[in-house]
Amino acid sequence: MTATISDPLKLPCGAVIRNRIAKSAMTEGLGDNRGRPTEGHVNLYKAWADGGAGLLITGNVIVDIDHLERPGNVVIDRKPDEETGRRLKAWATAGTRNGTQLWMQISHAGRQTQAIVNPHPKAPSAVTLGLPGKQFGEPVPLTEPEIEDLINRFVIASKAAEDAGFNGVQIHAAHGYLASQFLNPRANLRTDKWGGSLENRARFLMEIVRKVRAAVKPGFAVGVKLNSADFQKGGFAFEDSLTVAKWLEEAGVDMIEVSGGSYEQPRMMNLEGMEAVDPQKLPASTAAREAYFVDFAKAMRQALKIPVLLTGGIRLLKAANHAIETSAADMVGLGRPMCVDTDAPAKWLRGEEELTRWEARLKLLPPWLSFLRAIPLVRTMDSFGVMFWYYAQLDRIGKGKPVDPNLSVFAAMREVDAMTRQLAAQIKAAKSA
């Protein structure tokens, strides 16, 4: 019998997810100045757990407070103290309502750490992020002892998630974060055992997975978010991704989420005007489909025995079911729709055919100024402005306020920028106190 989004999914570890819809990871920015979860996380995840998804994956939980993806990240870089543990449990309780599975996404921003957080972040090599605006500083290469320490921090965070009542973790190895930087030959120029061949470049990720799998209980899920490709000439290609996926399967991973891109080539956001330098042999059919990475996911699904989660651009119920029915994926993920419609999964499960396409309504520049997007800085501001609009909606839900679909992108940018700068200053003061 052919599966649909309504059917449960059993993972290799034995856990059962009640349906095939996942809320994919989106950065929340709701942590306090010490990197602890807040009431905002509880409010947001209660809404999402009541919204019908079988699986919720949190936004970045960072393993080093000096390498935040953004101020407001939750941080677990050591064994949590009693108060932090209490807050993590409250978060887990909220996110596991109604039998929902809740996984903690664990990450390190590496060179994608904003300069207001750390002007000289640690990374595999001293390769600066190729973006205009000087929002990211020049990275400093990690030493081998620092690499080993970071691997252990991923283990500490995973154990903290298990102890708090989360059902699993997802190791973030996509979108240009640290594990993805190690995989990328353009960002990883090392000549030691952590660089060079694909096996060496994958060592950081594989060591994390092996040690986490050994540290947690057998029924605790371990997933990985992996780039299908970096979409940069000379970067991490799909052939490499497929090889790494097979290694991850052998290491005991329960599910791989297929995505792609980085801050430099943000294909995970399907940003207008961001053209890939190297098409990576992507079939032309993908451009016309709902899911950005469906062809990659299907090829990976055919090569693996473990489940594959497909996220990115899916808004039509028939597209979601088609992905599962044709074995392109075992689960489908929703992201941005759930920033406004927290019950978007329930709408699909009730048979509603299409979710609102909010992106089509959000433009920083009016059509008559669209020619300015040819300027790299303007294009970057336009694209990230849309992202800030979603951040602002998550902040409202966390504060118990209704979302504001009529909020302008300009207003959202000002709002989120002010919150970010204020929190960054508070974090700096707390660290120096």
Protein backbone atom coordinates (compact mmCIF):
# COMPACT_ATOMS: atom_id res chain seq x y z
CA MET A 1 0.00 0.00 0.00
CA THR A 2 1.32 3.44 -0.95
CA ALA A 3 2.10 5.77 1.96
CA THR A 4 0.78 9.33 2.27
CA ILE A 5 1.56 12.23 4.59
CA SER A 6 -1.01 10.88 7.08
CA ASP A 7 0.79 7.60 7.68
CA PRO A 8 3.21 6.98 10.57
CA LEU A 9 6.92 6.47 9.97
CA LYS A 10 9.08 4.06 11.95
CA LEU A 11 12.76 4.99 12.30
CA PRO A 12 15.71 2.57 12.50
CA CYS A 13 16.08 3.36 16.23
CA GLY A 14 12.51 2.10 16.81
CA ALA A 15 10.83 5.47 17.35
CA VAL A 16 7.57 6.07 15.48
CA ILE A 17 6.61 9.48 14.08
CA ARG A 18 2.81 9.80 13.92
CA ASN A 19 2.69 11.27 10.39
CA ARG A 20 4.99 12.23 7.51
CA ILE A 21 4.98 16.03 8.05
CA ALA A 22 7.92 17.71 9.80
CA LYS A 23 8.38 21.28 10.94
CA SER A 24 11.91 21.85 9.68
CA ALA A 25 14.45 23.86 11.63
CA MET A 26 14.12 27.64 11.67
CA THR A 27 16.17 29.90 13.93
CA GLU A 28 13.90 31.32 16.65
CA GLY A 29 16.07 34.01 18.26
CA LEU A 30 14.12 33.68 21.52
CA GLY A 31 16.95 32.77 23.90
CA ASP A 32 18.07 35.07 26.70
CA ASN A 33 21.44 36.79 27.13
CA ARG A 34 22.93 33.62 28.62
CA GLY A 35 21.75 31.40 25.80
CA ARG A 36 18.95 29.78 27.78
CA PRO A 37 15.47 28.85 26.51
CA THR A 38 12.68 31.22 27.54
CA GLU A 39 8.91 31.30 27.82
CA GLY A 40 8.98 32.32 24.16
CA HIS A 41 10.15 28.82 23.21
CA VAL A 42 7.37 27.28 25.30
CA ASN A 43 4.67 29.41 23.67
CA LEU A 44 5.99 28.85 20.15
CA TYR A 45 6.41 25.09 20.46
CA LYS A 46 3.03 24.63 22.13
CA ALA A 47 1.50 26.26 19.06
CA TRP A 48 3.51 24.09 16.70
CA ALA A 49 2.87 20.87 18.66
CA ASP A 50 -0.85 21.64 18.44
CA GLY A 51 -0.52 22.34 14.71
CA GLY A 52 -0.53 18.75 13.47
CA ALA A 53 3.09 17.98 12.50
CA GLY A 54 4.46 14.59 13.47
CA LEU A 55 7.97 15.95 13.99
CA LEU A 56 9.27 19.34 15.15
CA ILE A 57 12.95 20.14 14.64
CA THR A 58 14.21 23.13 16.63
CA GLY A 59 16.28 25.97 15.31
CA ASN A 60 20.03 26.09 15.90
CA VAL A 61 21.13 25.13 19.41
CA ILE A 62 24.75 26.27 19.45
CA VAL A 63 27.64 24.41 21.10
CA ASP A 64 29.81 27.54 21.58
CA ILE A 65 28.45 30.87 22.85
CA ASP A 66 31.20 32.70 20.91
CA HIS A 67 29.85 31.29 17.63
CA LEU A 68 26.16 32.06 17.57
CA GLU A 69 24.28 31.92 14.30
CA ARG A 70 22.48 34.97 15.68
CA PRO A 71 21.94 36.55 19.11
CA GLY A 72 19.05 34.74 20.74
CA ASN A 73 20.27 31.22 19.96
CA VAL A 74 20.00 28.67 22.74
CA VAL A 75 23.50 27.56 23.76
CA ILE A 76 24.60 24.25 25.28
CA ASP A 77 28.39 24.25 25.47
CA ARG A 78 28.68 22.49 28.81
CA LYS A 79 26.52 20.32 31.05
CA PRO A 80 23.45 22.46 31.85
CA ASP A 81 23.06 23.88 35.33
CA GLU A 82 19.83 23.30 37.27
CA GLU A 83 18.01 26.37 35.94
CA THR A 84 18.99 25.73 32.33
CA GLY A 85 17.95 22.10 32.71
CA ARG A 86 14.54 23.21 34.01
CA ARG A 87 14.06 25.50 31.03
CA LEU A 88 15.08 22.77 28.58
CA LYS A 89 12.53 20.43 30.13
CA ALA A 90 9.79 23.06 29.82
CA TRP A 91 10.69 23.46 26.15
CA ALA A 92 10.63 19.69 25.62
CA THR A 93 7.29 19.33 27.41
CA ALA A 94 5.75 22.00 25.16
CA GLY A 95 7.12 20.50 21.96
CA THR A 96 6.09 16.91 22.66
CA ARG A 97 2.39 17.60 23.27
CA ASN A 98 -0.09 15.38 21.45
CA GLY A 99 2.53 12.71 20.84
CA THR A 100 4.66 15.01 18.70
CA GLN A 101 8.32 14.10 18.23
CA LEU A 102 10.73 16.94 19.12
CA TRP A 103 14.33 16.92 17.91
CA MET A 104 16.97 19.45 18.89
CA GLN A 105 19.07 20.75 16.01
CA ILE A 106 22.67 21.14 17.17
CA SER A 107 25.06 23.43 15.36
CA HIS A 108 28.10 25.71 15.33
CA ALA A 109 28.12 28.73 13.02
CA GLY A 110 31.86 28.76 12.27
CA ARG A 111 32.69 31.51 9.78
CA GLN A 112 28.96 32.33 9.47
CA THR A 113 29.08 33.94 12.91
CA GLN A 114 28.07 37.60 12.61
CA ALA A 115 30.81 40.14 13.33
CA ILE A 116 28.70 41.72 16.11
CA VAL A 117 28.98 38.36 17.90
CA ASN A 118 32.59 37.52 17.04
CA PRO A 119 34.76 39.49 14.58
CA HIS A 120 37.23 36.58 14.24
CA PRO A 121 35.29 33.30 14.43
CA LYS A 122 36.90 29.88 14.34
CA ALA A 123 36.52 27.81 11.15
CA PRO A 124 38.33 24.98 9.33
CA SER A 125 40.47 27.52 7.43
CA ALA A 126 40.96 31.29 7.14
CA VAL A 127 38.53 31.65 4.24
CA THR A 128 36.28 34.69 4.64
CA LEU A 129 32.63 34.45 3.73
CA GLY A 130 32.11 35.94 0.27
CA LEU A 131 29.29 38.36 1.05
CA PRO A 132 29.12 42.17 0.80
CA GLY A 133 28.49 44.41 3.79
CA LYS A 134 31.26 43.22 6.15
CA GLN A 135 28.77 41.50 8.45
CA PHE A 136 31.10 38.52 8.83
CA GLY A 137 34.72 38.75 9.98
CA GLU A 138 37.90 36.96 8.94
CA PRO A 139 37.94 33.46 10.45
CA VAL A 140 40.78 31.85 12.38
CA PRO A 141 41.66 28.17 11.65
CA LEU A 142 40.71 25.72 14.37
CA THR A 143 43.49 23.78 16.08
CA GLU A 144 43.19 20.01 16.38
CA PRO A 145 42.53 20.16 20.16
CA GLU A 146 39.77 22.71 19.48
CA ILE A 147 38.21 20.40 16.89
CA GLU A 148 38.20 17.50 19.35
CA ASP A 149 36.67 19.75 22.00
CA LEU A 150 33.88 20.81 19.65
CA ILE A 151 33.06 17.19 18.81
CA ASN A 152 32.64 16.51 22.53
CA ARG A 153 30.40 19.56 22.88
CA PHE A 154 28.01 18.09 20.32
CA VAL A 155 27.88 15.00 22.52
CA ILE A 156 27.21 17.10 25.64
CA ALA A 157 24.36 18.93 23.89
CA SER A 158 22.86 15.64 22.69
CA LYS A 159 22.88 14.18 26.20
CA ALA A 160 21.33 17.39 27.55
CA ALA A 161 18.54 17.07 24.95
CA GLU A 162 17.90 13.45 25.91
CA ASP A 163 17.87 14.25 29.63
CA ALA A 164 15.42 17.11 29.08
CA GLY A 165 12.90 14.94 27.25
CA PHE A 166 13.60 15.65 23.58
CA ASN A 167 13.08 12.62 21.34
CA GLY A 168 16.17 13.12 19.21
CA VAL A 169 18.78 15.46 17.78
CA GLN A 170 19.63 16.65 14.30
CA ILE A 171 23.28 17.44 13.55
CA HIS A 172 23.36 20.49 11.26
CA ALA A 173 25.78 19.78 8.41
CA ALA A 174 24.15 21.99 5.79
CA HIS A 175 23.71 25.67 4.82
CA GLY A 176 27.34 26.61 5.37
CA TYR A 177 27.53 26.01 9.12
CA LEU A 178 30.68 24.52 10.63
CA ALA A 179 30.19 20.84 9.73
CA SER A 180 29.23 21.96 6.22
CA GLN A 181 32.35 24.16 6.09
CA PHE A 182 34.50 21.11 6.81
CA LEU A 183 32.81 19.24 3.93
CA ASN A 184 33.25 22.13 1.48
CA PRO A 185 36.66 22.06 -0.32
CA ARG A 186 36.34 25.82 -0.97
CA ALA A 187 36.09 26.56 2.76
CA ASN A 188 38.30 23.75 4.05
CA LEU A 189 41.89 24.15 2.85
CA ARG A 190 43.45 22.06 5.62
CA THR A 191 46.27 19.62 4.91
CA ASP A 192 45.93 17.54 8.09
CA LYS A 193 43.52 14.66 8.76
CA TRP A 194 40.57 17.10 8.79
CA GLY A 195 41.04 18.30 5.19
CA GLY A 196 41.93 17.25 1.67
CA SER A 197 40.12 14.04 0.68
CA LEU A 198 36.37 13.67 1.14
CA GLU A 199 37.00 11.12 3.87
CA ASN A 200 39.11 13.66 5.77
CA ARG A 201 36.68 16.53 5.18
CA ALA A 202 33.82 14.35 6.45
CA ARG A 203 35.78 13.25 9.54
CA PHE A 204 34.43 16.08 11.74
CA LEU A 205 30.80 15.17 10.98
CA MET A 206 31.36 11.41 11.18
CA GLU A 207 33.13 11.67 14.55
CA ILE A 208 30.23 13.73 15.92
CA VAL A 209 27.68 11.19 14.72
CA ARG A 210 29.59 8.17 16.01
CA LYS A 211 30.16 9.68 19.46
CA VAL A 212 26.60 10.97 19.79
CA ARG A 213 25.12 7.62 18.72
CA ALA A 214 27.29 5.86 21.32
CA ALA A 215 26.34 8.32 24.09
CA VAL A 216 22.53 8.30 23.80
CA LYS A 217 20.03 5.51 24.37
CA PRO A 218 19.14 3.19 21.44
CA GLY A 219 15.62 4.64 21.04
CA PHE A 220 16.83 8.23 20.87
CA ALA A 221 16.84 9.46 17.27
CA VAL A 222 19.97 10.88 15.62
CA GLY A 223 19.43 12.75 12.36
CA VAL A 224 21.63 14.81 10.05
CA LYS A 225 20.78 17.79 7.85
CA LEU A 226 23.01 17.49 4.81
CA ASN A 227 23.54 19.65 1.77
CA SER A 228 22.71 17.96 -1.50
CA ALA A 229 25.26 20.43 -2.93
CA ASP A 230 26.74 23.83 -2.13
CA PHE A 231 25.84 25.14 -5.62
CA GLN A 232 29.28 26.68 -6.03
CA LYS A 233 31.82 25.64 -8.62
CA GLY A 234 34.44 23.53 -6.90
CA GLY A 235 32.30 23.14 -3.78
CA PHE A 236 30.59 20.16 -2.14
CA ALA A 237 28.93 18.30 -5.03
CA PHE A 238 26.02 15.86 -5.05
CA GLU A 239 28.28 12.89 -5.71
CA ASP A 240 30.14 13.78 -2.49
CA SER A 241 26.86 14.21 -0.62
CA LEU A 242 25.64 10.77 -1.66
CA THR A 243 28.87 9.16 -0.50
CA VAL A 244 28.68 10.93 2.88
CA ALA A 245 25.01 9.91 3.22
CA LYS A 246 25.98 6.25 2.81
CA TRP A 247 28.66 6.65 5.50
CA LEU A 248 26.07 8.25 7.80
CA GLU A 249 23.71 5.34 7.27
CA GLU A 250 26.47 2.92 8.27
CA ALA A 251 27.15 5.02 11.39
CA GLY A 252 23.59 4.60 12.66
CA VAL A 253 21.84 7.80 11.57
CA ASP A 254 18.03 7.51 11.66
CA MET A 255 17.09 10.09 9.03
CA ILE A 256 18.80 12.48 6.61
CA GLU A 257 17.21 15.80 5.70
CA VAL A 258 18.18 16.92 2.20
CA SER A 259 18.80 20.62 1.66
CA GLY A 260 21.36 22.76 -0.16
CA GLY A 261 23.23 26.02 -0.37
CA SER A 262 24.84 28.39 2.12
CA TYR A 263 24.82 32.09 2.96
CA GLU A 264 26.91 32.65 -0.18
CA GLN A 265 24.53 30.64 -2.39
CA PRO A 266 21.29 30.48 -0.37
CA ARG A 267 19.38 27.94 -2.43
CA MET A 268 17.67 26.72 0.78
CA MET A 269 15.71 29.99 0.60
CA ASN A 270 15.13 29.82 -3.19
CA LEU A 271 16.10 33.48 -3.41
CA GLU A 272 15.21 35.24 -6.60
CA GLY A 273 18.26 36.31 -8.54
CA MET A 274 20.65 33.92 -6.77
CA GLU A 275 21.93 31.82 -9.66
CA ALA A 276 24.03 28.73 -9.08
CA VAL A 277 27.52 28.90 -10.51
CA ASP A 278 27.57 25.15 -11.15
CA PRO A 279 24.28 23.34 -11.94
CA GLN A 280 25.68 20.11 -10.43
CA LYS A 281 23.94 18.08 -13.18
CA LEU A 282 20.54 19.03 -11.77
CA PRO A 283 17.70 17.92 -14.10
CA ALA A 284 15.83 20.83 -15.65
CA SER A 285 12.55 19.39 -14.37
CA THR A 286 13.37 20.46 -10.83
CA ALA A 287 13.09 24.15 -11.69
CA ALA A 288 9.41 23.72 -12.45
CA ARG A 289 8.57 21.68 -9.38
CA GLU A 290 7.35 22.58 -5.93
CA ALA A 291 10.27 21.08 -4.00
CA TYR A 292 13.67 22.70 -4.59
CA PHE A 293 15.68 19.54 -3.86
CA VAL A 294 13.31 16.76 -4.95
CA ASP A 295 15.61 15.22 -7.58
CA PHE A 296 18.51 15.11 -5.13
CA ALA A 297 16.28 13.56 -2.46
CA LYS A 298 14.97 10.92 -4.85
CA ALA A 299 18.47 9.91 -5.91
CA MET A 300 19.56 9.73 -2.28
CA ARG A 301 16.42 7.83 -1.26
CA GLN A 302 17.10 5.19 -3.91
CA ALA A 303 20.63 4.68 -2.58
CA LEU A 304 19.75 4.49 1.12
CA LYS A 305 17.71 2.29 3.42
CA ILE A 306 17.17 4.96 6.09
CA PRO A 307 14.39 7.58 5.77
CA VAL A 308 14.93 10.81 3.87
CA LEU A 309 13.25 14.12 4.79
CA LEU A 310 12.61 16.56 1.93
CA THR A 311 12.23 20.25 2.81
CA GLY A 312 12.08 23.37 0.69
CA GLY A 313 9.29 25.12 -1.18
CA ILE A 314 6.49 22.57 -0.85
CA ARG A 315 3.10 24.29 -0.60
CA LEU A 316 0.76 21.92 -2.50
CA LEU A 317 -0.74 18.89 -0.77
CA LYS A 318 -0.54 16.88 -3.99
CA ALA A 319 3.18 17.70 -4.26
CA ALA A 320 3.78 16.52 -0.70
CA ASN A 321 1.93 13.27 -1.25
CA HIS A 322 3.56 12.79 -4.66
CA ALA A 323 7.02 13.01 -3.08
CA ILE A 324 6.14 10.22 -0.66
CA GLU A 325 4.14 8.09 -3.08
CA THR A 326 6.99 8.09 -5.62
CA SER A 327 9.61 7.34 -2.95
CA ALA A 328 11.36 10.67 -3.48
CA ALA A 329 11.19 11.06 0.30
CA ASP A 330 9.77 9.44 3.44
CA MET A 331 8.78 12.73 5.05
CA VAL A 332 8.18 16.29 3.84
CA GLY A 333 9.16 19.36 5.79
CA LEU A 334 7.47 22.72 6.21
CA GLY A 335 9.26 25.86 7.33
CA ARG A 336 8.13 29.37 6.52
CA PRO A 337 4.39 28.62 6.21
CA MET A 338 4.43 27.66 9.90
CA CYS A 339 5.78 31.08 10.90
CA VAL A 340 2.35 32.50 10.05
CA ASP A 341 0.04 29.47 9.92
CA THR A 342 1.17 27.40 12.89
CA ASP A 343 -1.49 24.82 12.00
CA ALA A 344 -0.36 24.43 8.38
CA PRO A 345 0.20 20.65 8.81
CA ALA A 346 -3.34 20.23 10.14
CA LYS A 347 -4.65 22.04 7.05
CA TRP A 348 -2.93 19.49 4.82
CA LEU A 349 -4.21 16.63 6.96
CA ARG A 350 -7.77 18.02 6.59
CA GLY A 351 -7.32 17.97 2.83
CA GLU A 352 -6.66 21.65 2.08
CA GLU A 353 -4.85 21.69 -1.23
CA GLU A 354 -2.52 24.70 -0.96
CA LEU A 355 -0.79 26.66 1.78
CA THR A 356 -0.39 30.43 1.57
CA ARG A 357 2.68 31.50 -0.38
CA TRP A 358 3.77 34.38 1.83
CA GLU A 359 7.03 34.92 -0.07
CA ALA A 360 5.11 36.16 -3.11
CA ARG A 361 3.78 39.06 -1.01
CA LEU A 362 7.09 40.10 0.53
CA LYS A 363 9.35 42.46 -1.37
CA LEU A 364 11.75 45.02 0.03
CA LEU A 365 11.90 46.76 -3.34
CA PRO A 366 8.83 47.76 -5.39
CA PRO A 367 8.72 46.34 -8.95
CA TRP A 368 9.87 49.61 -10.52
CA LEU A 369 13.11 49.44 -8.49
CA SER A 370 13.75 45.75 -9.06
CA PHE A 371 16.67 46.59 -11.35
CA LEU A 372 18.62 47.57 -8.21
CA ARG A 373 18.82 43.89 -7.28
CA ALA A 374 21.70 43.66 -9.74
CA ILE A 375 23.76 45.36 -7.00
CA PRO A 376 25.07 42.57 -4.68
CA LEU A 377 24.54 44.52 -1.45
CA VAL A 378 20.97 45.47 -2.41
CA ARG A 379 20.20 41.88 -3.44
CA THR A 380 21.53 40.59 -0.12
CA MET A 381 19.49 43.13 1.87
CA ASP A 382 16.36 42.31 -0.12
CA SER A 383 16.74 38.58 0.44
CA PHE A 384 17.60 38.75 4.13
CA GLY A 385 14.87 41.35 4.70
CA VAL A 386 12.31 38.71 3.78
CA MET A 387 13.94 36.33 6.26
CA PHE A 388 13.70 39.00 8.97
CA TRP A 389 9.96 39.25 8.28
CA TYR A 390 9.58 35.63 9.34
CA TYR A 391 11.80 36.22 12.40
CA ALA A 392 9.44 38.99 13.47
CA GLN A 393 6.43 36.66 13.21
CA LEU A 394 8.13 34.03 15.37
CA ASP A 395 8.89 36.70 17.97
CA ARG A 396 5.20 37.62 18.08
CA ILE A 397 4.08 34.04 18.59
CA GLY A 398 6.70 33.61 21.32
CA LYS A 399 5.32 36.67 23.12
CA GLY A 400 1.78 35.35 22.88
CA LYS A 401 0.78 37.94 20.28
CA PRO A 402 -1.04 37.29 16.99
CA VAL A 403 1.05 37.25 13.83
CA ASP A 404 0.93 40.35 11.62
CA PRO A 405 0.65 39.37 7.94
CA ASN A 406 0.49 43.07 7.03
CA LEU A 407 3.87 43.88 8.57
CA SER A 408 6.15 45.49 5.99
CA VAL A 409 9.57 44.06 5.23
CA PHE A 410 11.15 47.42 6.12
CA ALA A 411 9.42 47.46 9.52
CA ALA A 412 10.45 43.86 10.19
CA MET A 413 14.07 44.65 9.33
CA ARG A 414 14.13 47.60 11.74
CA GLU A 415 12.40 45.59 14.45
CA VAL A 416 14.62 42.52 14.23
CA ASP A 417 17.83 44.55 13.81
CA ALA A 418 17.06 46.53 16.97
CA MET A 419 16.30 43.37 18.95
CA THR A 420 19.43 41.67 17.64
CA ARG A 421 21.76 44.55 18.50
CA GLN A 422 20.25 44.95 21.95
CA LEU A 423 20.60 41.25 22.71
CA ALA A 424 24.15 41.14 21.33
CA ALA A 425 25.11 43.95 23.73
CA GLN A 426 23.46 42.12 26.63
CA ILE A 427 25.30 38.90 25.76
CA LYS A 428 28.61 40.76 25.63
CA ALA A 429 27.93 42.37 29.01
CA ALA A 430 26.91 39.03 30.56
CA LYS A 431 30.08 37.34 29.30
CA SER A 432 32.31 40.06 30.74
CA ALA A 433 30.48 40.23 34.10
